[in-house]
């Protein structure tokens, strides 16, 4: 019995996770504005049911990468 008087329940171990295929995959992306390299060699893969965030200081290339992924650059 559990401490509160209810029957204790055991849970079965979770089944092994099957690797999911990436639904979004980019490799070695660089973005240039003329001779200035704004983003250097970024690789990213996002799998189904994953939540991904871009976090970084101002001016580090977050918006530039998102525009590149969306073909807005």
PDB file of N, CA and C in Angstrom:
ATOM      1  N   UNK A   1       0.833  -1.184   0.000  1.00  0.00           N
ATOM      2  CA  UNK A   1       0.000   0.000   0.000  1.00  0.00           C
ATOM      3  C   UNK A   1       0.877   1.246   0.000  1.00  0.00           C
ATOM      4  N   UNK A   2       0.360   2.276  -0.631  1.00  0.00           N
ATOM      5  CA  UNK A   2       1.049   3.552  -0.656  1.00  0.00           C
ATOM      6  C   UNK A   2       0.845   4.257   0.681  1.00  0.00           C
ATOM      7  N   UNK A   3       1.606   5.302   0.927  1.00  0.00           N
ATOM      8  CA  UNK A   3       1.532   6.018   2.200  1.00  0.00           C
ATOM      9  C   UNK A   3       0.145   6.585   2.476  1.00  0.00           C
ATOM     10  N   UNK A   4      -0.612   6.930   1.420  1.00  0.00           N
ATOM     11  CA  UNK A   4      -1.922   7.530   1.635  1.00  0.00           C
ATOM     12  C   UNK A   4      -3.024   6.477   1.801  1.00  0.00           C
ATOM     13  N   UNK A   5      -2.672   5.198   1.842  1.00  0.00           N
ATOM     14  CA  UNK A   5      -3.637   4.138   2.059  1.00  0.00           C
ATOM     15  C   UNK A   5      -4.183   3.511   0.796  1.00  0.00           C
ATOM     16  N   UNK A   6      -3.899   4.091  -0.367  1.00  0.00           N
ATOM     17  CA  UNK A   6      -4.379   3.490  -1.613  1.00  0.00           C
ATOM     18  C   UNK A   6      -3.413   2.405  -2.058  1.00  0.00           C
ATOM     19  N   UNK A   7      -3.906   1.446  -2.853  1.00  0.00           N
ATOM     20  CA  UNK A   7      -3.008   0.381  -3.312  1.00  0.00           C
ATOM     21  C   UNK A   7      -1.864   0.959  -4.141  1.00  0.00           C
ATOM     22  N   UNK A   8      -0.685   0.438  -3.948  1.00  0.00           N
ATOM     23  CA  UNK A   8       0.474   0.885  -4.730  1.00  0.00           C
ATOM     24  C   UNK A   8       0.391   0.263  -6.120  1.00  0.00           C
ATOM     25  N   UNK A   9       0.695   1.047  -7.137  1.00  0.00           N
ATOM     26  CA  UNK A   9       0.671   0.562  -8.517  1.00  0.00           C
ATOM     27  C   UNK A   9       2.081   0.589  -9.066  1.00  0.00           C
ATOM     28  N   UNK A  10       2.414  -0.460  -9.766  1.00  0.00           N
ATOM     29  CA  UNK A  10       3.701  -0.491 -10.457  1.00  0.00           C
ATOM     30  C   UNK A  10       3.448  -0.225 -11.929  1.00  0.00           C
ATOM     31  N   UNK A  11       4.343   0.524 -12.509  1.00  0.00           N
ATOM     32  CA  UNK A  11       4.227   0.786 -13.940  1.00  0.00           C
ATOM     33  C   UNK A  11       5.278  -0.027 -14.662  1.00  0.00           C
ATOM     34  N   UNK A  12       4.906  -0.491 -15.824  1.00  0.00           N
ATOM     35  CA  UNK A  12       5.851  -1.244 -16.648  1.00  0.00           C
ATOM     36  C   UNK A  12       6.868  -0.278 -17.224  1.00  0.00           C
ATOM     37  N   UNK A  13       8.083  -0.753 -17.433  1.00  0.00           N
ATOM     38  CA  UNK A  13       9.079   0.139 -18.045  1.00  0.00           C
ATOM     39  C   UNK A  13       8.633   0.546 -19.449  1.00  0.00           C
ATOM     40  N   UNK A  14       9.003   1.744 -19.819  1.00  0.00           N
ATOM     41  CA  UNK A  14       8.644   2.244 -21.150  1.00  0.00           C
ATOM     42  C   UNK A  14       9.340   1.409 -22.215  1.00  0.00           C
ATOM     43  N   UNK A  15       8.644   1.152 -23.315  1.00  0.00           N
ATOM     44  CA  UNK A  15       9.288   0.402 -24.400  1.00  0.00           C
ATOM     45  C   UNK A  15      10.427   1.226 -24.986  1.00  0.00           C
ATOM     46  N   UNK A  16      11.422   0.567 -25.551  1.00  0.00           N
ATOM     47  CA  UNK A  16      12.537   1.327 -26.138  1.00  0.00           C
ATOM     48  C   UNK A  16      12.029   2.232 -27.256  1.00  0.00           C
ATOM     49  N   UNK A  17      12.613   3.418 -27.336  1.00  0.00           N
ATOM     50  CA  UNK A  17      12.205   4.377 -28.366  1.00  0.00           C
ATOM     51  C   UNK A  17      12.806   3.995 -29.706  1.00  0.00           C
ATOM     52  N   UNK A  18      11.969   4.009 -30.703  1.00  0.00           N
ATOM     53  CA  UNK A  18      12.423   3.751 -32.065  1.00  0.00           C
ATOM     54  C   UNK A  18      12.852   5.092 -32.655  1.00  0.00           C
ATOM     55  N   UNK A  19      14.068   5.181 -33.169  1.00  0.00           N
ATOM     56  CA  UNK A  19      14.508   6.459 -33.742  1.00  0.00           C
ATOM     57  C   UNK A  19      13.560   6.913 -34.852  1.00  0.00           C
ATOM     58  N   UNK A  20      13.135   8.155 -34.775  1.00  0.00           N
ATOM     59  CA  UNK A  20      12.249   8.731 -35.780  1.00  0.00           C
ATOM     60  C   UNK A  20      13.084   9.361 -36.889  1.00  0.00           C
ATOM     61  N   UNK A  21      12.560   9.297 -38.074  1.00  0.00           N
ATOM     62  CA  UNK A  21      13.221   9.950 -39.192  1.00  0.00           C
ATOM     63  C   UNK A  21      13.043  11.462 -39.044  1.00  0.00           C
ATOM     64  N   UNK A  22      14.050  12.195 -39.420  1.00  0.00           N
ATOM     65  CA  UNK A  22      13.988  13.655 -39.323  1.00  0.00           C
ATOM     66  C   UNK A  22      12.913  14.184 -40.272  1.00  0.00           C
ATOM     67  N   UNK A  23      12.088  15.110 -39.784  1.00  0.00           N
ATOM     68  CA  UNK A  23      11.096  15.757 -40.631  1.00  0.00           C
ATOM     69  C   UNK A  23      11.639  17.073 -41.186  1.00  0.00           C
ATOM     70  N   UNK A  24      12.749  17.516 -40.612  1.00  0.00           N
ATOM     71  CA  UNK A  24      13.426  18.726 -41.071  1.00  0.00           C
ATOM     72  C   UNK A  24      14.906  18.492 -40.866  1.00  0.00           C
ATOM     73  N   UNK A  25      15.688  18.610 -41.928  1.00  0.00           N
ATOM     74  CA  UNK A  25      17.107  18.282 -41.830  1.00  0.00           C
ATOM     75  C   UNK A  25      17.908  19.224 -42.728  1.00  0.00           C
ATOM     76  N   UNK A  26      18.834  19.946 -42.142  1.00  0.00           N
ATOM     77  CA  UNK A  26      19.750  20.797 -42.906  1.00  0.00           C
ATOM     78  C   UNK A  26      21.172  20.500 -42.448  1.00  0.00           C
ATOM     79  N   UNK A  27      22.107  20.618 -43.362  1.00  0.00           N
ATOM     80  CA  UNK A  27      23.507  20.321 -43.036  1.00  0.00           C
ATOM     81  C   UNK A  27      24.421  21.400 -43.592  1.00  0.00           C
ATOM     82  N   UNK A  28      25.342  21.848 -42.761  1.00  0.00           N
ATOM     83  CA  UNK A  28      26.419  22.757 -43.156  1.00  0.00           C
ATOM     84  C   UNK A  28      25.924  24.001 -43.886  1.00  0.00           C
ATOM     85  N   UNK A  29      24.915  24.658 -43.334  1.00  0.00           N
ATOM     86  CA  UNK A  29      24.363  25.866 -43.946  1.00  0.00           C
ATOM     87  C   UNK A  29      25.180  27.072 -43.511  1.00  0.00           C
ATOM     88  N   UNK A  30      25.586  27.869 -44.481  1.00  0.00           N
ATOM     89  CA  UNK A  30      26.238  29.151 -44.221  1.00  0.00           C
ATOM     90  C   UNK A  30      25.459  30.226 -44.959  1.00  0.00           C
ATOM     91  N   UNK A  31      25.374  31.406 -44.380  1.00  0.00           N
ATOM     92  CA  UNK A  31      24.656  32.527 -44.990  1.00  0.00           C
ATOM     93  C   UNK A  31      25.624  33.696 -45.109  1.00  0.00           C
ATOM     94  N   UNK A  32      25.705  34.238 -46.307  1.00  0.00           N
ATOM     95  CA  UNK A  32      26.602  35.367 -46.584  1.00  0.00           C
ATOM     96  C   UNK A  32      25.794  36.571 -47.010  1.00  0.00           C
ATOM     97  N   UNK A  33      26.238  37.749 -46.591  1.00  0.00           N
ATOM     98  CA  UNK A  33      25.766  39.030 -47.109  1.00  0.00           C
ATOM     99  C   UNK A  33      26.991  39.670 -47.743  1.00  0.00           C
ATOM    100  N   UNK A  34      27.133  39.497 -49.051  1.00  0.00           N
ATOM    101  CA  UNK A  34      28.351  39.923 -49.723  1.00  0.00           C
ATOM    102  C   UNK A  34      29.512  39.070 -49.243  1.00  0.00           C
ATOM    103  N   UNK A  35      30.565  39.696 -48.745  1.00  0.00           N
ATOM    104  CA  UNK A  35      31.718  38.957 -48.218  1.00  0.00           C
ATOM    105  C   UNK A  35      31.563  38.603 -46.738  1.00  0.00           C
ATOM    106  N   UNK A  36      30.530  39.151 -46.090  1.00  0.00           N
ATOM    107  CA  UNK A  36      30.337  38.916 -44.662  1.00  0.00           C
ATOM    108  C   UNK A  36      29.580  37.604 -44.431  1.00  0.00           C
ATOM    109  N   UNK A  37      30.185  36.719 -43.673  1.00  0.00           N
ATOM    110  CA  UNK A  37      29.517  35.454 -43.348  1.00  0.00           C
ATOM    111  C   UNK A  37      28.730  35.655 -42.058  1.00  0.00           C
ATOM    112  N   UNK A  38      27.403  35.683 -42.178  1.00  0.00           N
ATOM    113  CA  UNK A  38      26.535  35.942 -41.030  1.00  0.00           C
ATOM    114  C   UNK A  38      26.305  34.679 -40.210  1.00  0.00           C
ATOM    115  N   UNK A  39      26.260  33.529 -40.860  1.00  0.00           N
ATOM    116  CA  UNK A  39      26.031  32.244 -40.190  1.00  0.00           C
ATOM    117  C   UNK A  39      27.012  31.250 -40.782  1.00  0.00           C
ATOM    118  N   UNK A  40      27.643  30.468 -39.927  1.00  0.00           N
ATOM    119  CA  UNK A  40      28.681  29.546 -40.392  1.00  0.00           C
ATOM    120  C   UNK A  40      28.347  28.093 -40.051  1.00  0.00           C
ATOM    121  N   UNK A  41      28.239  27.255 -41.080  1.00  0.00           N
ATOM    122  CA  UNK A  41      28.186  25.788 -40.970  1.00  0.00           C
ATOM    123  C   UNK A  41      27.201  25.269 -39.916  1.00  0.00           C
ATOM    124  N   UNK A  42      25.944  25.670 -40.021  1.00  0.00           N
ATOM    125  CA  UNK A  42      24.914  25.205 -39.091  1.00  0.00           C
ATOM    126  C   UNK A  42      24.290  23.922 -39.618  1.00  0.00           C
ATOM    127  N   UNK A  43      24.152  22.936 -38.749  1.00  0.00           N
ATOM    128  CA  UNK A  43      23.454  21.692 -39.073  1.00  0.00           C
ATOM    129  C   UNK A  43      22.367  21.478 -38.025  1.00  0.00           C
ATOM    130  N   UNK A  44      21.238  20.966 -38.467  1.00  0.00           N
ATOM    131  CA  UNK A  44      20.103  20.787 -37.572  1.00  0.00           C
ATOM    132  C   UNK A  44      19.209  19.691 -38.117  1.00  0.00           C
ATOM    133  N   UNK A  45      18.739  18.819 -37.248  1.00  0.00           N
ATOM    134  CA  UNK A  45      17.681  17.902 -37.642  1.00  0.00           C
ATOM    135  C   UNK A  45      16.636  17.884 -36.535  1.00  0.00           C
ATOM    136  N   UNK A  46      15.390  17.937 -36.954  1.00  0.00           N
ATOM    137  CA  UNK A  46      14.256  17.928 -36.033  1.00  0.00           C
ATOM    138  C   UNK A  46      13.441  16.687 -36.347  1.00  0.00           C
ATOM    139  N   UNK A  47      13.173  15.917 -35.336  1.00  0.00           N
ATOM    140  CA  UNK A  47      12.421  14.682 -35.506  1.00  0.00           C
ATOM    141  C   UNK A  47      10.963  14.890 -35.109  1.00  0.00           C
ATOM    142  N   UNK A  48      10.122  14.007 -35.587  1.00  0.00           N
ATOM    143  CA  UNK A  48       8.699  14.102 -35.298  1.00  0.00           C
ATOM    144  C   UNK A  48       8.465  14.154 -33.790  1.00  0.00           C
ATOM    145  N   UNK A  49       7.553  15.003 -33.372  1.00  0.00           N
ATOM    146  CA  UNK A  49       7.145  15.203 -31.974  1.00  0.00           C
ATOM    147  C   UNK A  49       8.217  15.880 -31.117  1.00  0.00           C
ATOM    148  N   UNK A  50       9.259  16.438 -31.718  1.00  0.00           N
ATOM    149  CA  UNK A  50      10.254  17.197 -30.963  1.00  0.00           C
ATOM    150  C   UNK A  50       9.877  18.671 -30.964  1.00  0.00           C
ATOM    151  N   UNK A  51      10.249  19.341 -29.924  1.00  0.00           N
ATOM    152  CA  UNK A  51      10.089  20.788 -29.842  1.00  0.00           C
ATOM    153  C   UNK A  51      11.491  21.374 -29.866  1.00  0.00           C
ATOM    154  N   UNK A  52      11.709  22.319 -30.756  1.00  0.00           N
ATOM    155  CA  UNK A  52      13.035  22.895 -30.931  1.00  0.00           C
ATOM    156  C   UNK A  52      12.947  24.412 -30.790  1.00  0.00           C
ATOM    157  N   UNK A  53      13.919  25.005 -30.136  1.00  0.00           N
ATOM    158  CA  UNK A  53      13.952  26.452 -29.961  1.00  0.00           C
ATOM    159  C   UNK A  53      15.334  26.975 -30.328  1.00  0.00           C
ATOM    160  N   UNK A  54      15.367  28.177 -30.888  1.00  0.00           N
ATOM    161  CA  UNK A  54      16.622  28.873 -31.136  1.00  0.00           C
ATOM    162  C   UNK A  54      16.791  29.891 -30.018  1.00  0.00           C
ATOM    163  N   UNK A  55      17.843  29.749 -29.266  1.00  0.00           N
ATOM    164  CA  UNK A  55      18.097  30.651 -28.147  1.00  0.00           C
ATOM    165  C   UNK A  55      19.504  31.217 -28.298  1.00  0.00           C
ATOM    166  N   UNK A  56      19.638  32.513 -28.152  1.00  0.00           N
ATOM    167  CA  UNK A  56      20.960  33.121 -28.230  1.00  0.00           C
ATOM    168  C   UNK A  56      20.861  34.623 -28.108  1.00  0.00           C
ATOM    169  N   UNK A  57      21.993  35.277 -27.998  1.00  0.00           N
ATOM    170  CA  UNK A  57      21.995  36.726 -27.844  1.00  0.00           C
ATOM    171  C   UNK A  57      21.568  37.435 -29.128  1.00  0.00           C
ATOM    172  N   UNK A  58      21.243  38.685 -28.973  1.00  0.00           N
ATOM    173  CA  UNK A  58      20.861  39.512 -30.106  1.00  0.00           C
ATOM    174  C   UNK A  58      21.980  39.550 -31.140  1.00  0.00           C
ATOM    175  N   UNK A  59      21.618  39.365 -32.403  1.00  0.00           N
ATOM    176  CA  UNK A  59      22.595  39.465 -33.476  1.00  0.00           C
ATOM    177  C   UNK A  59      23.381  38.206 -33.757  1.00  0.00           C
ATOM    178  N   UNK A  60      23.005  37.071 -33.166  1.00  0.00           N
ATOM    179  CA  UNK A  60      23.802  35.852 -33.368  1.00  0.00           C
ATOM    180  C   UNK A  60      23.356  35.026 -34.575  1.00  0.00           C
ATOM    181  N   UNK A  61      22.247  35.413 -35.245  1.00  0.00           N
ATOM    182  CA  UNK A  61      21.847  34.716 -36.462  1.00  0.00           C
ATOM    183  C   UNK A  61      20.578  33.881 -36.360  1.00  0.00           C
ATOM    184  N   UNK A  62      19.849  33.983 -35.279  1.00  0.00           N
ATOM    185  CA  UNK A  62      18.624  33.189 -35.115  1.00  0.00           C
ATOM    186  C   UNK A  62      17.613  33.495 -36.221  1.00  0.00           C
ATOM    187  N   UNK A  63      17.267  34.750 -36.383  1.00  0.00           N
ATOM    188  CA  UNK A  63      16.284  35.136 -37.401  1.00  0.00           C
ATOM    189  C   UNK A  63      16.811  34.877 -38.803  1.00  0.00           C
ATOM    190  N   UNK A  64      18.085  35.086 -39.010  1.00  0.00           N
ATOM    191  CA  UNK A  64      18.689  34.825 -40.313  1.00  0.00           C
ATOM    192  C   UNK A  64      18.527  33.354 -40.695  1.00  0.00           C
ATOM    193  N   UNK A  65      18.761  32.463 -39.744  1.00  0.00           N
ATOM    194  CA  UNK A  65      18.605  31.030 -40.031  1.00  0.00           C
ATOM    195  C   UNK A  65      17.149  30.682 -40.319  1.00  0.00           C
ATOM    196  N   UNK A  66      16.232  31.217 -39.539  1.00  0.00           N
ATOM    197  CA  UNK A  66      14.816  30.927 -39.784  1.00  0.00           C
ATOM    198  C   UNK A  66      14.375  31.430 -41.150  1.00  0.00           C
ATOM    199  N   UNK A  67      14.826  32.629 -41.542  1.00  0.00           N
ATOM    200  CA  UNK A  67      14.506  33.141 -42.871  1.00  0.00           C
ATOM    201  C   UNK A  67      15.123  32.258 -43.950  1.00  0.00           C
ATOM    202  N   UNK A  68      16.301  31.759 -43.710  1.00  0.00           N
ATOM    203  CA  UNK A  68      16.958  30.870 -44.664  1.00  0.00           C
ATOM    204  C   UNK A  68      16.181  29.561 -44.809  1.00  0.00           C
ATOM    205  N   UNK A  69      15.754  28.992 -43.693  1.00  0.00           N
ATOM    206  CA  UNK A  69      14.974  27.750 -43.736  1.00  0.00           C
ATOM    207  C   UNK A  69      13.672  27.955 -44.496  1.00  0.00           C
ATOM    208  N   UNK A  70      13.105  29.143 -44.375  1.00  0.00           N
ATOM    209  CA  UNK A  70      11.823  29.457 -45.001  1.00  0.00           C
ATOM    210  C   UNK A  70      12.008  30.075 -46.392  1.00  0.00           C
ATOM    211  N   UNK A  71      13.238  30.095 -46.877  1.00  0.00           N
ATOM    212  CA  UNK A  71      13.610  30.645 -48.182  1.00  0.00           C
ATOM    213  C   UNK A  71      13.213  32.109 -48.333  1.00  0.00           C
ATOM    214  N   UNK A  72      13.351  32.863 -47.257  1.00  0.00           N
ATOM    215  CA  UNK A  72      13.057  34.287 -47.308  1.00  0.00           C
ATOM    216  C   UNK A  72      14.327  35.111 -47.494  1.00  0.00           C
ATOM    217  N   UNK A  73      15.498  34.489 -47.509  1.00  0.00           N
ATOM    218  CA  UNK A  73      16.767  35.196 -47.735  1.00  0.00           C
ATOM    219  C   UNK A  73      17.160  35.045 -49.172  1.00  0.00           C
TER     220      UNK A  73
END
